[in-house]
């Protein structure tokens, strides 16, 4: 059985092979822009996470209940460890189960749900959920999302190029990894 991602699509408007052009592929700015947003999201949140956990975290009643430094360090390290482990899982999910595009879509949605939960961590009076429980759920979803899409997105960039425009690929990867 042929891989659906390599077979030409019979649906109008679906492109499953690189365009035969010597120009920059039209999808590249969206991919690079999405990657930039994802990086700012992950690293921006990670940069303030420790301070949040040790100085601003509340309890279920809305009273200040920060973590001690050791606990916050453990949570932060576990979060980063999960995020850097999950590219392996993302690659397996992509190759064996869903393919690159569905993996990017569904895991990105998981990532967004994690950030949505994170937005509600500091209003336990509204949610009725202990902020530490919300925080751990958010961090797990964000870490899985961040890690699992990594192997797919980098490959997706390369898939945009054909023989006539492959000379532009190094330029795009420079922007992508910048």
C-alpha atoms as a PDB file:
ATOM      1  CA  UNK A   1       0.000   0.000   0.000  1.00  0.00           C
ATOM      2  CA  UNK A   2       1.436   3.389  -0.991  1.00  0.00           C
ATOM      3  CA  UNK A   3       1.848   6.184   1.551  1.00  0.00           C
ATOM      4  CA  UNK A   4      -0.961   8.720   1.130  1.00  0.00           C
ATOM      5  CA  UNK A   5       1.496  11.574   1.605  1.00  0.00           C
ATOM      6  CA  UNK A   6       3.597  10.558  -1.407  1.00  0.00           C
ATOM      7  CA  UNK A   7       0.748   9.671  -3.760  1.00  0.00           C
ATOM      8  CA  UNK A   8      -0.613  12.478  -5.921  1.00  0.00           C
ATOM      9  CA  UNK A   9      -3.935  13.704  -4.567  1.00  0.00           C
ATOM     10  CA  UNK A  10      -7.107  13.359  -6.566  1.00  0.00           C
ATOM     11  CA  UNK A  11      -8.787  16.136  -4.590  1.00  0.00           C
ATOM     12  CA  UNK A  12      -8.755  19.586  -6.205  1.00  0.00           C
ATOM     13  CA  UNK A  13      -6.485  22.055  -4.404  1.00  0.00           C
ATOM     14  CA  UNK A  14      -4.468  19.373  -2.566  1.00  0.00           C
ATOM     15  CA  UNK A  15      -0.783  19.446  -3.414  1.00  0.00           C
ATOM     16  CA  UNK A  16       1.141  16.356  -2.354  1.00  0.00           C
ATOM     17  CA  UNK A  17       4.405  16.969  -4.190  1.00  0.00           C
ATOM     18  CA  UNK A  18       6.691  20.010  -4.460  1.00  0.00           C
ATOM     19  CA  UNK A  19       5.700  22.570  -7.063  1.00  0.00           C
ATOM     20  CA  UNK A  20       7.830  22.539 -10.215  1.00  0.00           C
ATOM     21  CA  UNK A  21       9.319  25.998  -9.727  1.00  0.00           C
ATOM     22  CA  UNK A  22      12.651  27.676  -9.182  1.00  0.00           C
ATOM     23  CA  UNK A  23      11.031  30.139  -6.739  1.00  0.00           C
ATOM     24  CA  UNK A  24      10.498  29.964  -2.998  1.00  0.00           C
ATOM     25  CA  UNK A  25       7.609  27.578  -2.172  1.00  0.00           C
ATOM     26  CA  UNK A  26       4.509  29.537  -1.114  1.00  0.00           C
ATOM     27  CA  UNK A  27       4.010  27.584   2.130  1.00  0.00           C
ATOM     28  CA  UNK A  28       7.454  28.364   3.555  1.00  0.00           C
ATOM     29  CA  UNK A  29       6.613  31.726   5.190  1.00  0.00           C
ATOM     30  CA  UNK A  30       3.731  30.065   7.054  1.00  0.00           C
ATOM     31  CA  UNK A  31       5.896  27.190   8.262  1.00  0.00           C
ATOM     32  CA  UNK A  32       8.728  29.485   9.374  1.00  0.00           C
ATOM     33  CA  UNK A  33       6.253  31.893  11.006  1.00  0.00           C
ATOM     34  CA  UNK A  34       4.563  29.037  12.850  1.00  0.00           C
ATOM     35  CA  UNK A  35       7.926  27.742  14.045  1.00  0.00           C
ATOM     36  CA  UNK A  36       8.875  31.215  15.313  1.00  0.00           C
ATOM     37  CA  UNK A  37       5.576  31.499  17.200  1.00  0.00           C
ATOM     38  CA  UNK A  38       6.054  28.042  18.675  1.00  0.00           C
ATOM     39  CA  UNK A  39       9.614  28.845  19.809  1.00  0.00           C
ATOM     40  CA  UNK A  40       8.571  32.159  21.404  1.00  0.00           C
ATOM     41  CA  UNK A  41       5.691  30.345  23.096  1.00  0.00           C
ATOM     42  CA  UNK A  42       7.793  27.521  24.540  1.00  0.00           C
ATOM     43  CA  UNK A  43      10.931  29.419  25.488  1.00  0.00           C
ATOM     44  CA  UNK A  44       9.033  32.503  26.645  1.00  0.00           C
ATOM     45  CA  UNK A  45       6.905  30.420  28.979  1.00  0.00           C
ATOM     46  CA  UNK A  46       9.892  28.350  30.096  1.00  0.00           C
ATOM     47  CA  UNK A  47      11.860  31.512  30.961  1.00  0.00           C
ATOM     48  CA  UNK A  48       9.288  32.681  33.506  1.00  0.00           C
ATOM     49  CA  UNK A  49       8.083  29.282  34.733  1.00  0.00           C
ATOM     50  CA  UNK A  50      10.445  28.962  37.705  1.00  0.00           C
ATOM     51  CA  UNK A  51       9.685  32.476  38.954  1.00  0.00           C
ATOM     52  CA  UNK A  52       5.961  31.823  38.581  1.00  0.00           C
ATOM     53  CA  UNK A  53       6.134  28.565  40.529  1.00  0.00           C
ATOM     54  CA  UNK A  54       8.277  30.006  43.352  1.00  0.00           C
ATOM     55  CA  UNK A  55       6.651  33.415  43.734  1.00  0.00           C
ATOM     56  CA  UNK A  56       3.145  33.608  42.248  1.00  0.00           C
ATOM     57  CA  UNK A  57       1.504  30.186  42.401  1.00  0.00           C
ATOM     58  CA  UNK A  58      -1.784  30.126  44.295  1.00  0.00           C
ATOM     59  CA  UNK A  59      -3.688  27.402  46.091  1.00  0.00           C
ATOM     60  CA  UNK A  60      -7.270  26.313  45.388  1.00  0.00           C
ATOM     61  CA  UNK A  61      -8.710  29.122  47.527  1.00  0.00           C
ATOM     62  CA  UNK A  62      -6.712  31.784  45.684  1.00  0.00           C
ATOM     63  CA  UNK A  63      -4.167  32.318  48.470  1.00  0.00           C
ATOM     64  CA  UNK A  64      -0.461  32.556  47.658  1.00  0.00           C
ATOM     65  CA  UNK A  65       1.113  29.064  47.862  1.00  0.00           C
ATOM     66  CA  UNK A  66       4.404  29.084  45.961  1.00  0.00           C
ATOM     67  CA  UNK A  67       6.614  26.033  45.602  1.00  0.00           C
ATOM     68  CA  UNK A  68       9.974  25.826  47.316  1.00  0.00           C
ATOM     69  CA  UNK A  69      13.030  26.066  45.054  1.00  0.00           C
ATOM     70  CA  UNK A  70      13.743  22.329  45.108  1.00  0.00           C
ATOM     71  CA  UNK A  71      10.207  21.379  44.062  1.00  0.00           C
ATOM     72  CA  UNK A  72      10.079  24.059  41.353  1.00  0.00           C
ATOM     73  CA  UNK A  73      13.465  22.899  40.048  1.00  0.00           C
ATOM     74  CA  UNK A  74      12.206  19.325  39.888  1.00  0.00           C
ATOM     75  CA  UNK A  75       9.038  20.363  38.027  1.00  0.00           C
ATOM     76  CA  UNK A  76      11.007  22.500  35.568  1.00  0.00           C
ATOM     77  CA  UNK A  77      13.522  19.728  34.892  1.00  0.00           C
ATOM     78  CA  UNK A  78      10.765  17.160  34.388  1.00  0.00           C
ATOM     79  CA  UNK A  79       8.990  19.535  32.000  1.00  0.00           C
ATOM     80  CA  UNK A  80      12.127  20.080  29.915  1.00  0.00           C
ATOM     81  CA  UNK A  81      12.995  16.373  30.037  1.00  0.00           C
ATOM     82  CA  UNK A  82       9.580  15.410  28.665  1.00  0.00           C
ATOM     83  CA  UNK A  83       9.850  18.065  25.963  1.00  0.00           C
ATOM     84  CA  UNK A  84      13.241  16.804  24.820  1.00  0.00           C
ATOM     85  CA  UNK A  85      12.239  13.131  24.991  1.00  0.00           C
ATOM     86  CA  UNK A  86       9.093  13.455  22.901  1.00  0.00           C
ATOM     87  CA  UNK A  87      10.698  14.031  19.471  1.00  0.00           C
ATOM     88  CA  UNK A  88      11.393  10.291  19.538  1.00  0.00           C
ATOM     89  CA  UNK A  89       7.726   9.578  20.250  1.00  0.00           C
ATOM     90  CA  UNK A  90       6.611  12.145  17.651  1.00  0.00           C
ATOM     91  CA  UNK A  91       8.751  10.493  14.994  1.00  0.00           C
ATOM     92  CA  UNK A  92       7.294   7.073  15.807  1.00  0.00           C
ATOM     93  CA  UNK A  93       3.726   8.419  15.778  1.00  0.00           C
ATOM     94  CA  UNK A  94       4.417  10.135  12.461  1.00  0.00           C
ATOM     95  CA  UNK A  95       6.092   7.191  10.749  1.00  0.00           C
ATOM     96  CA  UNK A  96       3.877   4.369  12.016  1.00  0.00           C
ATOM     97  CA  UNK A  97       0.472   5.870  12.637  1.00  0.00           C
ATOM     98  CA  UNK A  98      -0.665   9.210  11.293  1.00  0.00           C
ATOM     99  CA  UNK A  99       1.845  10.632   8.853  1.00  0.00           C
ATOM    100  CA  UNK A 100       3.532  13.999   9.086  1.00  0.00           C
ATOM    101  CA  UNK A 101       0.617  16.348   8.441  1.00  0.00           C
ATOM    102  CA  UNK A 102      -1.905  14.755  10.803  1.00  0.00           C
ATOM    103  CA  UNK A 103       0.749  14.453  13.502  1.00  0.00           C
ATOM    104  CA  UNK A 104       1.597  18.144  13.191  1.00  0.00           C
ATOM    105  CA  UNK A 105      -2.088  19.103  13.274  1.00  0.00           C
ATOM    106  CA  UNK A 106      -3.231  16.966  16.206  1.00  0.00           C
ATOM    107  CA  UNK A 107      -0.145  17.384  18.365  1.00  0.00           C
ATOM    108  CA  UNK A 108      -0.189  21.162  17.738  1.00  0.00           C
ATOM    109  CA  UNK A 109      -3.771  21.227  18.987  1.00  0.00           C
ATOM    110  CA  UNK A 110      -2.624  19.392  22.124  1.00  0.00           C
ATOM    111  CA  UNK A 111       0.044  22.073  22.530  1.00  0.00           C
ATOM    112  CA  UNK A 112      -2.616  24.804  22.237  1.00  0.00           C
ATOM    113  CA  UNK A 113      -4.850  23.075  24.794  1.00  0.00           C
ATOM    114  CA  UNK A 114      -1.871  23.009  27.169  1.00  0.00           C
ATOM    115  CA  UNK A 115      -1.435  26.758  26.805  1.00  0.00           C
ATOM    116  CA  UNK A 116      -5.182  27.226  27.253  1.00  0.00           C
ATOM    117  CA  UNK A 117      -5.075  25.321  30.546  1.00  0.00           C
ATOM    118  CA  UNK A 118      -2.014  27.336  31.556  1.00  0.00           C
ATOM    119  CA  UNK A 119      -4.041  30.527  31.093  1.00  0.00           C
ATOM    120  CA  UNK A 120      -6.518  29.330  33.734  1.00  0.00           C
ATOM    121  CA  UNK A 121      -3.974  28.193  36.354  1.00  0.00           C
ATOM    122  CA  UNK A 122      -4.208  31.444  38.306  1.00  0.00           C
ATOM    123  CA  UNK A 123      -7.992  31.602  38.577  1.00  0.00           C
ATOM    124  CA  UNK A 124      -8.840  28.598  40.758  1.00  0.00           C
ATOM    125  CA  UNK A 125     -11.925  30.409  42.054  1.00  0.00           C
ATOM    126  CA  UNK A 126     -13.351  30.146  38.527  1.00  0.00           C
ATOM    127  CA  UNK A 127     -12.173  26.640  37.646  1.00  0.00           C
ATOM    128  CA  UNK A 128     -12.404  24.991  41.081  1.00  0.00           C
ATOM    129  CA  UNK A 129      -9.202  23.115  40.231  1.00  0.00           C
ATOM    130  CA  UNK A 130      -6.066  23.193  42.358  1.00  0.00           C
ATOM    131  CA  UNK A 131      -3.542  25.339  40.420  1.00  0.00           C
ATOM    132  CA  UNK A 132      -0.812  22.724  40.832  1.00  0.00           C
ATOM    133  CA  UNK A 133      -3.023  20.148  39.125  1.00  0.00           C
ATOM    134  CA  UNK A 134      -3.821  22.568  36.302  1.00  0.00           C
ATOM    135  CA  UNK A 135      -0.164  23.493  36.018  1.00  0.00           C
ATOM    136  CA  UNK A 136       1.024  19.904  35.732  1.00  0.00           C
ATOM    137  CA  UNK A 137      -1.638  19.105  33.117  1.00  0.00           C
ATOM    138  CA  UNK A 138      -0.667  22.200  31.119  1.00  0.00           C
ATOM    139  CA  UNK A 139       3.059  21.486  31.339  1.00  0.00           C
ATOM    140  CA  UNK A 140       2.643  17.860  30.266  1.00  0.00           C
ATOM    141  CA  UNK A 141       0.522  18.828  27.243  1.00  0.00           C
ATOM    142  CA  UNK A 142       2.911  21.632  26.251  1.00  0.00           C
ATOM    143  CA  UNK A 143       5.979  19.402  26.640  1.00  0.00           C
ATOM    144  CA  UNK A 144       4.425  16.595  24.600  1.00  0.00           C
ATOM    145  CA  UNK A 145       3.252  19.068  21.954  1.00  0.00           C
ATOM    146  CA  UNK A 146       6.553  20.889  21.743  1.00  0.00           C
ATOM    147  CA  UNK A 147       8.565  17.719  21.456  1.00  0.00           C
ATOM    148  CA  UNK A 148       6.354  15.530  19.321  1.00  0.00           C
ATOM    149  CA  UNK A 149       6.027  17.983  16.416  1.00  0.00           C
ATOM    150  CA  UNK A 150       9.779  18.689  16.161  1.00  0.00           C
ATOM    151  CA  UNK A 151      10.739  15.809  13.845  1.00  0.00           C
ATOM    152  CA  UNK A 152       7.712  16.434  11.631  1.00  0.00           C
ATOM    153  CA  UNK A 153       8.026  20.180  11.120  1.00  0.00           C
ATOM    154  CA  UNK A 154      11.688  20.078  10.095  1.00  0.00           C
ATOM    155  CA  UNK A 155      10.923  17.376   7.522  1.00  0.00           C
ATOM    156  CA  UNK A 156       7.878  19.335   6.341  1.00  0.00           C
ATOM    157  CA  UNK A 157      10.149  22.247   5.398  1.00  0.00           C
ATOM    158  CA  UNK A 158      12.297  20.014   3.226  1.00  0.00           C
ATOM    159  CA  UNK A 159       9.232  18.524   1.536  1.00  0.00           C
ATOM    160  CA  UNK A 160       8.377  21.937   0.076  1.00  0.00           C
ATOM    161  CA  UNK A 161      11.348  21.836  -2.306  1.00  0.00           C
ATOM    162  CA  UNK A 162      11.821  20.096  -5.623  1.00  0.00           C
ATOM    163  CA  UNK A 163      14.781  19.741  -7.942  1.00  0.00           C
ATOM    164  CA  UNK A 164      14.458  23.203  -9.470  1.00  0.00           C
ATOM    165  CA  UNK A 165      14.342  25.178  -6.231  1.00  0.00           C
ATOM    166  CA  UNK A 166      16.472  23.073  -3.880  1.00  0.00           C
ATOM    167  CA  UNK A 167      19.173  25.767  -4.090  1.00  0.00           C
ATOM    168  CA  UNK A 168      16.896  27.869  -1.827  1.00  0.00           C
ATOM    169  CA  UNK A 169      16.608  25.182   0.847  1.00  0.00           C
ATOM    170  CA  UNK A 170      19.673  26.228   2.870  1.00  0.00           C
ATOM    171  CA  UNK A 171      18.351  29.797   3.025  1.00  0.00           C
ATOM    172  CA  UNK A 172      15.004  28.588   4.387  1.00  0.00           C
ATOM    173  CA  UNK A 173      16.600  26.296   6.971  1.00  0.00           C
ATOM    174  CA  UNK A 174      18.740  29.216   8.155  1.00  0.00           C
ATOM    175  CA  UNK A 175      15.544  31.187   8.832  1.00  0.00           C
ATOM    176  CA  UNK A 176      13.803  28.136  10.242  1.00  0.00           C
ATOM    177  CA  UNK A 177      16.506  27.450  12.824  1.00  0.00           C
ATOM    178  CA  UNK A 178      17.221  31.132  13.510  1.00  0.00           C
END
